[in-house]
């Protein structure tokens, strides 16, 4: 294994799958997470969604809907919003890994039924210093990072339903050059697209007008991202998100919402040698079958992989179900100015063991809203425990009013 590949594997696992460091309830051989490149794309950027256990498919639209479900922008309450997000990541282990994100949307045209949106993500993997025994001159100081930029368009197709599409450029630079192995430092690029839908209705229950919304988003449908000059391609974290939110009034100015999201990576499972071993085969036969399956996996197109991802788990349908992650959350809002949130995220121990409680609060004083979230990991010894997120949102309509402009 080259040092470039080794560094990429270490950083990818540490960044997103670090909660799997203690899978005490499972045998080691059963641990079989779906493997992808640029795992930082799976990190929730904003405090609101994170506080509810990583939820956002069908919640009310806000500036950060680009990540959760961009079709919601067509139903945005303001003509334009911009959000700035910051997350110190794995701060229990290191103090220089972070995710910074800026996102926003702008309503366009007449009729208030379509919007343009954009976001920029930057995930810093901190500073890494490498050294070689007996050769202090060969040491390097690296600043690996991953970033993405995307633009989107959403439109109402009816009074209750909208759809959206996003185009994304992804760049991953691990910044590693190994003169001993002959490696050169090169970044890896990829392109992807998202497609999404959002439906909302206002049923009358008793004497109260409630809101019931449904949403879906298939994100990161695109090319593979190739490291080591194309010799080590990886699937993007193509993801299917489905969710629903129900909001009802408790009293004047008091609303309570409950949300449920389900996610599944649309990425084929990487073959393992143990899945081909049996009493009916010799060791050489098993290794040959494994080598063929691994070659097929490496050469598989991303679109083929999407369809393959529903039926290729070694454990069959029961293991496919274990690949689904679940989020359940609630949000209390007073006069759309003060917010309290809580939620829970669950991932099967066999597929990564990310399990945590989220909680947070928000305060809005037009034209600015501040949201904060806090994560409490329930999986043992998880380095994701005590993760904080901060979001600052600017309402452009409110800013215009403040400046006295119409």
Protein backbone atom coordinates (compact mmCIF):
# COMPACT_ATOMS: atom_id res chain seq x y z
CA UNK A 1 0.00 0.00 0.00
CA UNK A 2 1.39 3.40 -0.93
CA UNK A 3 1.54 6.11 1.68
CA UNK A 4 -1.03 8.12 -0.26
CA UNK A 5 -3.53 5.29 -0.06
CA UNK A 6 -2.74 4.71 3.60
CA UNK A 7 -3.27 8.36 4.49
CA UNK A 8 -6.54 8.51 2.53
CA UNK A 9 -7.88 5.44 4.31
CA UNK A 10 -6.89 6.68 7.75
CA UNK A 11 -8.38 10.13 7.29
CA UNK A 12 -11.61 8.91 5.69
CA UNK A 13 -12.27 6.44 8.48
CA UNK A 14 -11.31 8.92 11.20
CA UNK A 15 -13.47 11.66 9.77
CA UNK A 16 -16.79 9.86 9.45
CA UNK A 17 -16.66 6.26 10.62
CA UNK A 18 -14.75 6.95 13.81
CA UNK A 19 -17.72 5.97 15.95
CA UNK A 20 -17.08 2.42 14.84
CA UNK A 21 -13.90 2.24 16.92
CA UNK A 22 -15.81 0.23 19.50
CA UNK A 23 -18.32 -2.20 18.07
CA UNK A 24 -18.61 -4.22 21.21
CA UNK A 25 -21.99 -5.73 20.41
CA UNK A 26 -20.83 -7.29 17.13
CA UNK A 27 -18.19 -9.80 16.20
CA UNK A 28 -15.31 -8.20 14.37
CA UNK A 29 -15.97 -10.24 11.23
CA UNK A 30 -19.56 -8.94 11.03
CA UNK A 31 -18.52 -5.30 10.76
CA UNK A 32 -19.15 -4.38 7.12
CA UNK A 33 -19.79 -0.65 6.49
CA UNK A 34 -20.43 0.66 2.99
CA UNK A 35 -17.18 2.20 1.74
CA UNK A 36 -17.09 5.47 -0.19
CA UNK A 37 -14.72 8.32 -0.97
CA UNK A 38 -15.11 11.95 0.19
CA UNK A 39 -16.99 10.90 3.31
CA UNK A 40 -17.08 14.51 4.47
CA UNK A 41 -20.04 15.01 2.11
CA UNK A 42 -22.12 13.02 4.60
CA UNK A 43 -21.51 15.42 7.49
CA UNK A 44 -24.51 17.60 8.28
CA UNK A 45 -23.41 21.24 7.94
CA UNK A 46 -25.99 23.11 10.04
CA UNK A 47 -27.00 23.26 13.68
CA UNK A 48 -30.75 23.01 13.09
CA UNK A 49 -30.70 19.65 11.28
CA UNK A 50 -28.00 18.24 13.56
CA UNK A 51 -29.92 19.17 16.72
CA UNK A 52 -32.81 16.98 15.54
CA UNK A 53 -30.59 13.96 14.87
CA UNK A 54 -29.57 14.86 11.30
CA UNK A 55 -33.03 15.61 9.90
CA UNK A 56 -34.05 17.82 7.00
CA UNK A 57 -35.86 16.02 4.17
CA UNK A 58 -39.27 17.55 4.99
CA UNK A 59 -38.67 20.24 7.62
CA UNK A 60 -39.58 23.84 6.85
CA UNK A 61 -37.29 25.38 4.20
CA UNK A 62 -34.32 27.42 5.35
CA UNK A 63 -31.01 28.59 3.92
CA UNK A 64 -29.37 25.19 4.47
CA UNK A 65 -31.91 23.16 2.48
CA UNK A 66 -29.26 22.68 -0.23
CA UNK A 67 -27.84 19.78 1.79
CA UNK A 68 -31.11 18.22 2.97
CA UNK A 69 -33.60 18.79 0.18
CA UNK A 70 -33.07 21.69 -2.27
CA UNK A 71 -36.61 21.45 -3.67
CA UNK A 72 -37.81 23.10 -0.43
CA UNK A 73 -36.37 26.43 -1.56
CA UNK A 74 -39.35 26.97 -3.85
CA UNK A 75 -41.48 27.20 -0.68
CA UNK A 76 -39.04 29.51 1.12
CA UNK A 77 -40.65 32.19 3.27
CA UNK A 78 -38.08 34.85 2.42
CA UNK A 79 -36.95 36.07 -0.99
CA UNK A 80 -33.33 35.32 -0.07
CA UNK A 81 -31.31 33.90 2.83
CA UNK A 82 -27.66 33.14 3.46
CA UNK A 83 -26.33 30.84 6.21
CA UNK A 84 -22.80 30.43 7.55
CA UNK A 85 -22.07 27.13 9.34
CA UNK A 86 -19.10 25.97 11.40
CA UNK A 87 -18.43 22.58 13.02
CA UNK A 88 -15.28 21.66 14.98
CA UNK A 89 -14.94 17.95 14.10
CA UNK A 90 -13.48 15.17 16.26
CA UNK A 91 -12.37 17.77 18.78
CA UNK A 92 -11.93 15.06 21.42
CA UNK A 93 -9.02 13.72 19.35
CA UNK A 94 -7.59 16.77 17.57
CA UNK A 95 -8.22 20.51 17.58
CA UNK A 96 -7.70 21.48 13.94
CA UNK A 97 -10.27 19.44 11.97
CA UNK A 98 -13.37 21.42 11.04
CA UNK A 99 -16.19 21.79 8.52
CA UNK A 100 -17.08 25.26 7.24
CA UNK A 101 -20.08 25.78 4.98
CA UNK A 102 -21.96 28.66 3.42
CA UNK A 103 -25.32 28.20 1.68
CA UNK A 104 -28.18 30.31 0.45
CA UNK A 105 -31.00 30.81 -2.01
CA UNK A 106 -32.61 33.57 -4.02
CA UNK A 107 -36.19 33.61 -5.31
CA UNK A 108 -36.34 34.51 -9.00
CA UNK A 109 -39.02 35.49 -11.47
CA UNK A 110 -42.59 36.44 -10.73
CA UNK A 111 -45.06 34.31 -8.83
CA UNK A 112 -42.70 33.35 -5.98
CA UNK A 113 -42.49 29.78 -7.27
CA UNK A 114 -38.84 29.20 -8.22
CA UNK A 115 -35.42 29.73 -6.69
CA UNK A 116 -31.70 29.54 -7.39
CA UNK A 117 -29.43 28.18 -4.66
CA UNK A 118 -25.75 27.53 -4.00
CA UNK A 119 -23.42 26.23 -1.32
CA UNK A 120 -19.71 25.94 -0.66
CA UNK A 121 -18.27 23.34 1.76
CA UNK A 122 -14.70 23.15 3.05
CA UNK A 123 -13.58 20.26 5.24
CA UNK A 124 -10.12 20.71 6.71
CA UNK A 125 -8.34 17.58 7.92
CA UNK A 126 -5.93 19.65 9.97
CA UNK A 127 -2.19 19.61 9.85
CA UNK A 128 -0.40 16.30 9.31
CA UNK A 129 3.35 15.91 9.74
CA UNK A 130 5.08 12.92 8.21
CA UNK A 131 8.59 11.68 8.90
CA UNK A 132 10.81 8.77 7.91
CA UNK A 133 13.13 6.86 10.26
CA UNK A 134 16.69 8.03 9.85
CA UNK A 135 15.84 10.79 7.37
CA UNK A 136 14.64 13.98 9.02
CA UNK A 137 15.03 15.88 5.71
CA UNK A 138 12.18 13.88 4.16
CA UNK A 139 9.54 15.01 6.65
CA UNK A 140 6.56 16.93 5.30
CA UNK A 141 3.85 19.11 6.79
CA UNK A 142 0.53 18.60 5.03
CA UNK A 143 -2.84 20.35 5.12
CA UNK A 144 -5.23 17.89 3.46
CA UNK A 145 -8.77 19.03 2.76
CA UNK A 146 -11.95 18.25 0.84
CA UNK A 147 -14.29 20.80 -0.67
CA UNK A 148 -17.34 21.06 -2.89
CA UNK A 149 -19.27 23.77 -4.68
CA UNK A 150 -22.77 23.40 -6.06
CA UNK A 151 -25.59 25.35 -7.64
CA UNK A 152 -29.23 24.38 -7.75
CA UNK A 153 -32.62 25.25 -9.17
CA UNK A 154 -36.01 24.48 -7.62
CA UNK A 155 -39.54 25.13 -8.83
CA UNK A 156 -43.10 24.60 -7.67
CA UNK A 157 -44.92 22.22 -9.98
CA UNK A 158 -48.20 22.82 -8.14
CA UNK A 159 -49.39 24.66 -5.06
CA UNK A 160 -48.27 21.72 -2.92
CA UNK A 161 -45.35 20.07 -4.73
CA UNK A 162 -41.93 21.19 -5.90
CA UNK A 163 -38.82 19.59 -7.34
CA UNK A 164 -35.19 20.61 -7.42
CA UNK A 165 -31.90 19.73 -9.07
CA UNK A 166 -28.32 20.48 -7.99
CA UNK A 167 -25.01 20.21 -9.86
CA UNK A 168 -21.87 19.77 -7.75
CA UNK A 169 -18.10 19.91 -8.21
CA UNK A 170 -16.06 17.94 -5.66
CA UNK A 171 -12.35 18.19 -4.95
CA UNK A 172 -10.29 16.12 -2.51
CA UNK A 173 -6.66 17.01 -1.88
CA UNK A 174 -4.82 14.87 0.61
CA UNK A 175 -1.63 16.72 -0.30
CA UNK A 176 0.69 13.74 0.08
CA UNK A 177 3.79 13.12 -2.01
CA UNK A 178 6.03 10.18 -1.13
CA UNK A 179 9.46 10.44 -2.71
CA UNK A 180 10.32 6.94 -1.49
CA UNK A 181 7.33 5.36 -3.24
CA UNK A 182 7.50 7.65 -6.25
CA UNK A 183 4.12 9.24 -5.56
CA UNK A 184 3.28 12.75 -6.68
CA UNK A 185 0.82 14.94 -4.82
CA UNK A 186 -2.36 15.24 -6.88
CA UNK A 187 -5.90 16.08 -5.93
CA UNK A 188 -8.93 14.13 -7.05
CA UNK A 189 -12.01 15.67 -8.68
CA UNK A 190 -15.54 14.48 -9.32
CA UNK A 191 -18.89 15.79 -10.51
CA UNK A 192 -22.32 14.88 -9.22
CA UNK A 193 -25.96 15.87 -9.26
CA UNK A 194 -28.89 15.77 -6.83
CA UNK A 195 -32.58 15.42 -7.61
CA UNK A 196 -35.29 15.99 -5.01
CA UNK A 197 -38.96 16.56 -4.34
CA UNK A 198 -41.04 18.18 -1.59
CA UNK A 199 -44.77 17.99 -0.88
CA UNK A 200 -46.60 19.97 1.77
CA UNK A 201 -50.26 20.23 2.72
CA UNK A 202 -52.31 21.85 5.49
CA UNK A 203 -54.88 19.43 6.95
CA UNK A 204 -57.46 20.64 9.48
CA UNK A 205 -57.46 18.52 12.64
CA UNK A 206 -60.14 19.57 15.06
CA UNK A 207 -60.11 23.34 14.81
CA UNK A 208 -56.40 23.57 14.12
CA UNK A 209 -54.68 24.00 10.79
CA UNK A 210 -51.67 21.70 10.80
CA UNK A 211 -48.90 21.15 8.28
CA UNK A 212 -47.81 17.78 6.92
CA UNK A 213 -44.81 17.58 4.61
CA UNK A 214 -42.96 14.81 2.78
CA UNK A 215 -39.59 15.00 1.08
CA UNK A 216 -37.03 12.95 -0.81
CA UNK A 217 -33.53 13.63 -2.08
CA UNK A 218 -31.11 11.47 -4.07
CA UNK A 219 -27.74 13.18 -3.69
CA UNK A 220 -24.27 12.77 -5.20
CA UNK A 221 -25.24 10.86 -8.34
CA UNK A 222 -22.06 11.19 -10.34
CA UNK A 223 -18.62 10.06 -11.33
CA UNK A 224 -16.20 8.14 -9.19
CA UNK A 225 -13.42 10.04 -7.46
CA UNK A 226 -9.99 8.66 -8.37
CA UNK A 227 -6.86 8.86 -6.26
CA UNK A 228 -3.32 7.77 -7.18
CA UNK A 229 -3.61 8.98 -10.79
CA UNK A 230 -6.81 7.04 -11.35
CA UNK A 231 -5.51 3.73 -10.00
CA UNK A 232 -7.63 3.85 -6.84
CA UNK A 233 -11.20 4.94 -7.72
CA UNK A 234 -13.87 5.27 -5.03
CA UNK A 235 -17.63 5.66 -5.21
CA UNK A 236 -19.12 8.96 -4.16
CA UNK A 237 -21.49 8.72 -1.17
CA UNK A 238 -24.66 8.59 -3.30
CA UNK A 239 -27.51 8.74 -0.80
CA UNK A 240 -31.28 8.32 -0.77
CA UNK A 241 -33.04 10.40 1.89
CA UNK A 242 -36.76 10.06 2.65
CA UNK A 243 -38.54 12.02 5.36
CA UNK A 244 -41.75 13.44 6.74
CA UNK A 245 -42.61 16.26 9.17
CA UNK A 246 -45.87 16.98 10.97
CA UNK A 247 -46.45 20.37 12.61
CA UNK A 248 -49.39 21.36 14.77
CA UNK A 249 -50.15 24.45 16.87
CA UNK A 250 -50.13 24.07 20.65
CA UNK A 251 -51.57 27.56 21.12
CA UNK A 252 -51.21 31.00 19.60
CA UNK A 253 -47.57 31.48 18.51
CA UNK A 254 -46.61 28.00 19.80
CA UNK A 255 -45.88 25.22 17.26
CA UNK A 256 -44.51 21.71 17.73
CA UNK A 257 -43.06 19.60 14.89
CA UNK A 258 -42.10 15.93 14.74
CA UNK A 259 -39.85 14.62 11.96
CA UNK A 260 -38.61 11.25 10.75
CA UNK A 261 -35.84 10.71 8.17
CA UNK A 262 -34.45 7.49 6.68
CA UNK A 263 -31.23 7.28 4.66
CA UNK A 264 -29.58 4.59 2.58
CA UNK A 265 -26.28 4.81 0.72
CA UNK A 266 -26.80 3.82 -2.92
CA UNK A 267 -23.31 2.33 -3.14
CA UNK A 268 -22.47 -1.34 -3.74
CA UNK A 269 -20.91 -3.26 -0.85
CA UNK A 270 -17.21 -3.96 -1.30
CA UNK A 271 -16.56 -7.74 -1.49
CA UNK A 272 -14.77 -9.46 1.38
CA UNK A 273 -12.69 -12.63 1.17
CA UNK A 274 -14.58 -14.22 4.06
CA UNK A 275 -17.82 -14.03 2.05
CA UNK A 276 -16.38 -16.47 -0.49
CA UNK A 277 -14.87 -18.95 1.95
CA UNK A 278 -16.73 -22.19 2.65
CA UNK A 279 -16.09 -25.85 3.35
CA UNK A 280 -16.93 -26.68 -0.27
CA UNK A 281 -14.13 -24.53 -1.68
CA UNK A 282 -10.40 -24.65 -1.49
CA UNK A 283 -8.53 -21.57 -0.33
CA UNK A 284 -7.31 -20.92 -3.89
CA UNK A 285 -10.86 -21.15 -5.32
CA UNK A 286 -12.15 -18.71 -2.73
CA UNK A 287 -9.35 -16.27 -3.46
CA UNK A 288 -10.01 -16.45 -7.19
CA UNK A 289 -13.73 -15.79 -6.76
CA UNK A 290 -12.95 -12.93 -4.42
CA UNK A 291 -10.45 -11.42 -6.87
CA UNK A 292 -13.04 -11.53 -9.68
CA UNK A 293 -15.73 -9.99 -7.48
CA UNK A 294 -13.36 -7.24 -6.32
CA UNK A 295 -12.39 -6.45 -9.90
CA UNK A 296 -16.06 -6.25 -10.88
CA UNK A 297 -16.71 -3.92 -7.92
CA UNK A 298 -13.80 -1.66 -8.82
CA UNK A 299 -14.89 -1.45 -12.48
CA UNK A 300 -18.60 -1.05 -11.77
CA UNK A 301 -20.14 2.18 -13.01
CA UNK A 302 -21.78 4.46 -10.41
CA UNK A 303 -25.22 4.08 -12.05
CA UNK A 304 -24.96 0.28 -12.03
CA UNK A 305 -23.81 0.53 -8.42
CA UNK A 306 -26.96 2.42 -7.45
CA UNK A 307 -29.19 -0.45 -8.57
CA UNK A 308 -26.76 -3.08 -7.25
CA UNK A 309 -26.81 -1.46 -3.80
CA UNK A 310 -30.32 -2.76 -3.09
CA UNK A 311 -29.42 -6.45 -3.40
CA UNK A 312 -25.69 -7.08 -2.96
CA UNK A 313 -25.21 -7.25 0.82
CA UNK A 314 -23.62 -10.60 1.80
CA UNK A 315 -26.23 -11.13 4.51
CA UNK A 316 -29.13 -10.71 2.09
CA UNK A 317 -32.22 -8.58 2.67
CA UNK A 318 -31.72 -8.43 6.43
CA UNK A 319 -28.30 -6.85 5.95
CA UNK A 320 -29.72 -4.42 3.37
CA UNK A 321 -32.15 -3.20 6.04
CA UNK A 322 -29.21 -2.66 8.41
CA UNK A 323 -27.75 -0.19 5.92
CA UNK A 324 -30.66 2.20 6.56
CA UNK A 325 -29.99 4.91 9.13
CA UNK A 326 -32.87 6.47 11.07
CA UNK A 327 -33.38 9.93 12.53
CA UNK A 328 -36.24 11.01 14.78
CA UNK A 329 -36.50 14.60 15.96
CA UNK A 330 -38.73 17.36 17.30
CA UNK A 331 -38.73 21.16 17.18
CA UNK A 332 -40.64 23.61 19.35
CA UNK A 333 -41.06 27.15 18.00
CA UNK A 334 -42.38 30.24 19.73
CA UNK A 335 -43.51 32.95 17.32
CA UNK A 336 -40.76 31.83 14.92
CA UNK A 337 -38.30 33.62 17.19
CA UNK A 338 -37.26 31.06 19.79
CA UNK A 339 -36.60 27.37 19.06
CA UNK A 340 -35.83 24.25 21.06
CA UNK A 341 -34.81 21.03 19.30
CA UNK A 342 -33.90 17.44 20.10
CA UNK A 343 -33.45 14.22 18.15
CA UNK A 344 -31.77 10.83 17.85
CA UNK A 345 -29.67 9.29 15.06
CA UNK A 346 -29.26 5.51 14.74
CA UNK A 347 -26.93 3.48 12.55
CA UNK A 348 -26.61 -0.27 12.95
CA UNK A 349 -23.40 -1.34 14.70
CA UNK A 350 -22.58 -3.61 11.77
CA UNK A 351 -22.66 -0.66 9.37
CA UNK A 352 -20.75 2.00 11.30
CA UNK A 353 -22.22 2.28 14.81
CA UNK A 354 -22.96 6.02 14.65
CA UNK A 355 -25.54 6.53 17.38
CA UNK A 356 -26.12 9.83 19.12
CA UNK A 357 -28.55 12.26 20.68
CA UNK A 358 -28.80 15.76 19.33
CA UNK A 359 -30.11 18.85 21.05
CA UNK A 360 -30.01 22.54 20.39
CA UNK A 361 -31.65 25.93 20.38
CA UNK A 362 -32.13 28.89 18.10
CA UNK A 363 -32.93 32.56 18.46
CA UNK A 364 -34.17 34.78 15.64
CA UNK A 365 -34.16 38.55 15.74
CA UNK A 366 -34.92 39.64 12.22
CA UNK A 367 -32.81 39.77 10.11
CA UNK A 368 -30.38 37.41 11.93
CA UNK A 369 -30.87 33.95 13.44
CA UNK A 370 -28.36 32.03 15.54
CA UNK A 371 -28.62 28.25 15.96
CA UNK A 372 -26.46 25.98 18.09
CA UNK A 373 -26.49 22.18 18.43
CA UNK A 374 -24.75 19.68 20.68
CA UNK A 375 -24.18 15.98 20.10
CA UNK A 376 -24.12 13.32 22.84
CA UNK A 377 -22.89 9.97 21.49
CA UNK A 378 -24.61 6.86 22.82
CA UNK A 379 -22.13 4.43 21.23
CA UNK A 380 -19.31 3.73 23.67
CA UNK A 381 -16.05 5.69 23.41
CA UNK A 382 -17.22 7.57 20.33
CA UNK A 383 -14.92 10.51 19.45
CA UNK A 384 -17.98 12.25 17.97
CA UNK A 385 -19.27 12.85 21.49
CA UNK A 386 -19.75 16.50 22.50
CA UNK A 387 -19.66 17.80 18.92
CA UNK A 388 -20.86 21.40 18.58
CA UNK A 389 -22.29 23.14 15.51
CA UNK A 390 -22.99 26.82 14.94
CA UNK A 391 -25.16 28.44 12.27
CA UNK A 392 -25.67 32.14 11.58
CA UNK A 393 -28.45 32.94 9.08
CA UNK A 394 -29.12 36.28 7.42
CA UNK A 395 -32.57 37.10 6.04
CA UNK A 396 -32.05 39.45 3.09
CA UNK A 397 -35.64 40.75 3.32
CA UNK A 398 -35.04 41.66 6.93
CA UNK A 399 -31.79 43.41 6.07
CA UNK A 400 -33.57 45.49 3.42
CA UNK A 401 -36.24 46.48 5.95
CA UNK A 402 -33.57 47.38 8.47
CA UNK A 403 -31.87 49.61 5.91
CA UNK A 404 -35.17 51.18 4.98
CA UNK A 405 -35.19 49.81 1.44
CA UNK A 406 -38.20 48.40 -0.36
